[in-house]
């Protein structure tokens, strides 16, 4: 899977997460907070992702780790089996982020929502 590091693959995965979440992430490193993964899962399984527990404004590693704990619970709940290296993801490891994005994209598919309806618009205060 060396192709994941190619720019066209990175941009395709970034485009997918932006379409699914309704956000405008410009680099894969922005996914290190865990929020984009949770929002992508919420787009497909809104009843399984407790948005009220997600730290959307995460800036520190302990906040990222909190979000990844939620992500692990959600992935288990929707029977999505993929090992998550939380430490590397939280540090912004491109290979880890790209691998998880690729797993989510291949497992979940294209954006299921109508235009204007995104996980971001449903974000709880």
Protein backbone atom coordinates (compact mmCIF):
# COMPACT_ATOMS: atom_id res chain seq x y z
CA UNK A 1 0.00 0.00 0.00
CA UNK A 2 2.81 2.39 -0.74
CA UNK A 3 0.44 4.32 -3.00
CA UNK A 4 -1.12 5.99 0.03
CA UNK A 5 1.78 8.42 0.25
CA UNK A 6 1.30 9.68 -3.31
CA UNK A 7 -0.13 13.20 -3.53
CA UNK A 8 -3.13 12.15 -5.64
CA UNK A 9 -4.09 9.51 -3.07
CA UNK A 10 -3.67 11.96 -0.19
CA UNK A 11 -5.77 14.57 -1.95
CA UNK A 12 -8.44 12.00 -2.79
CA UNK A 13 -8.73 10.92 0.83
CA UNK A 14 -8.77 14.52 2.00
CA UNK A 15 -11.45 15.35 -0.57
CA UNK A 16 -13.51 12.39 0.66
CA UNK A 17 -13.33 13.42 4.33
CA UNK A 18 -14.25 16.99 3.37
CA UNK A 19 -17.25 15.80 1.35
CA UNK A 20 -18.44 13.47 4.09
CA UNK A 21 -17.98 15.93 6.95
CA UNK A 22 -18.80 19.16 5.16
CA UNK A 23 -15.54 20.64 6.41
CA UNK A 24 -12.56 22.09 4.55
CA UNK A 25 -9.48 20.33 5.85
CA UNK A 26 -6.42 21.33 3.86
CA UNK A 27 -3.92 18.77 5.17
CA UNK A 28 -4.13 15.24 6.50
CA UNK A 29 -2.31 16.33 9.65
CA UNK A 30 -5.45 18.22 10.69
CA UNK A 31 -7.05 14.81 11.24
CA UNK A 32 -4.78 14.15 14.22
CA UNK A 33 -7.42 15.53 16.59
CA UNK A 34 -9.65 12.54 15.80
CA UNK A 35 -12.58 14.85 15.03
CA UNK A 36 -12.64 14.25 11.23
CA UNK A 37 -12.78 10.48 11.75
CA UNK A 38 -15.63 10.83 14.24
CA UNK A 39 -17.52 13.22 11.98
CA UNK A 40 -17.11 10.84 9.03
CA UNK A 41 -18.49 7.98 11.10
CA UNK A 42 -21.31 10.20 12.31
CA UNK A 43 -22.32 10.87 8.70
CA UNK A 44 -22.99 7.15 8.25
CA UNK A 45 -23.91 6.12 11.81
CA UNK A 46 -25.34 9.20 13.55
CA UNK A 47 -26.92 7.14 16.32
CA UNK A 48 -23.54 5.59 17.21
CA UNK A 49 -21.36 8.72 17.53
CA UNK A 50 -21.91 10.68 20.76
CA UNK A 51 -21.03 14.14 19.43
CA UNK A 52 -21.68 15.65 22.85
CA UNK A 53 -18.62 13.81 24.19
CA UNK A 54 -16.29 14.84 21.35
CA UNK A 55 -13.75 17.59 22.03
CA UNK A 56 -14.18 19.56 18.80
CA UNK A 57 -11.71 22.25 19.83
CA UNK A 58 -8.99 19.72 20.71
CA UNK A 59 -5.52 21.27 20.73
CA UNK A 60 -3.59 19.07 23.14
CA UNK A 61 -2.62 15.42 23.05
CA UNK A 62 -4.81 14.47 26.04
CA UNK A 63 -7.81 15.89 24.16
CA UNK A 64 -6.83 13.96 21.02
CA UNK A 65 -6.55 10.78 23.10
CA UNK A 66 -10.03 11.40 24.53
CA UNK A 67 -11.41 11.64 20.98
CA UNK A 68 -9.58 8.47 19.92
CA UNK A 69 -11.10 6.58 22.84
CA UNK A 70 -14.52 7.58 21.53
CA UNK A 71 -13.44 6.60 18.01
CA UNK A 72 -12.39 3.14 19.18
CA UNK A 73 -15.75 2.67 20.92
CA UNK A 74 -17.67 3.78 17.82
CA UNK A 75 -15.63 1.61 15.47
CA UNK A 76 -16.23 -1.39 17.71
CA UNK A 77 -19.94 -0.55 17.87
CA UNK A 78 -20.29 -0.50 14.09
CA UNK A 79 -18.11 -3.62 13.70
CA UNK A 80 -15.36 -1.78 11.86
CA UNK A 81 -12.22 -3.72 12.69
CA UNK A 82 -8.99 -1.84 12.14
CA UNK A 83 -6.13 -1.49 14.59
CA UNK A 84 -5.59 2.10 15.65
CA UNK A 85 -2.17 3.34 16.74
CA UNK A 86 -3.52 6.16 18.86
CA UNK A 87 -0.12 7.57 19.79
CA UNK A 88 1.02 7.86 16.17
CA UNK A 89 -2.32 9.27 15.04
CA UNK A 90 -2.28 11.89 17.79
CA UNK A 91 1.24 12.89 16.75
CA UNK A 92 0.04 13.50 13.20
CA UNK A 93 1.69 10.49 11.52
CA UNK A 94 0.74 10.80 7.85
CA UNK A 95 0.94 7.05 7.14
CA UNK A 96 -1.34 6.26 10.10
CA UNK A 97 -3.83 9.00 9.24
CA UNK A 98 -3.90 8.01 5.57
CA UNK A 99 -4.35 4.34 6.45
CA UNK A 100 -7.31 5.10 8.72
CA UNK A 101 -8.87 7.44 6.16
CA UNK A 102 -8.48 4.74 3.50
CA UNK A 103 -10.13 2.14 5.76
CA UNK A 104 -13.02 4.47 6.54
CA UNK A 105 -13.49 5.43 2.88
CA UNK A 106 -13.45 1.84 1.67
CA UNK A 107 -15.73 0.67 4.49
CA UNK A 108 -18.18 3.57 4.49
CA UNK A 109 -18.23 4.67 0.85
CA UNK A 110 -19.21 8.01 -0.67
CA UNK A 111 -20.88 10.82 1.28
CA UNK A 112 -24.44 9.78 2.18
CA UNK A 113 -25.87 13.20 2.98
CA UNK A 114 -27.83 15.69 0.96
CA UNK A 115 -26.10 19.03 0.23
CA UNK A 116 -26.22 21.34 3.24
CA UNK A 117 -26.69 18.51 5.74
CA UNK A 118 -23.40 17.68 7.44
CA UNK A 119 -22.17 16.42 10.74
CA UNK A 120 -20.74 19.89 11.32
CA UNK A 121 -24.20 21.48 11.16
CA UNK A 122 -25.41 19.00 13.75
CA UNK A 123 -22.48 19.62 16.12
CA UNK A 124 -23.71 20.03 19.66
CA UNK A 125 -22.57 23.08 21.65
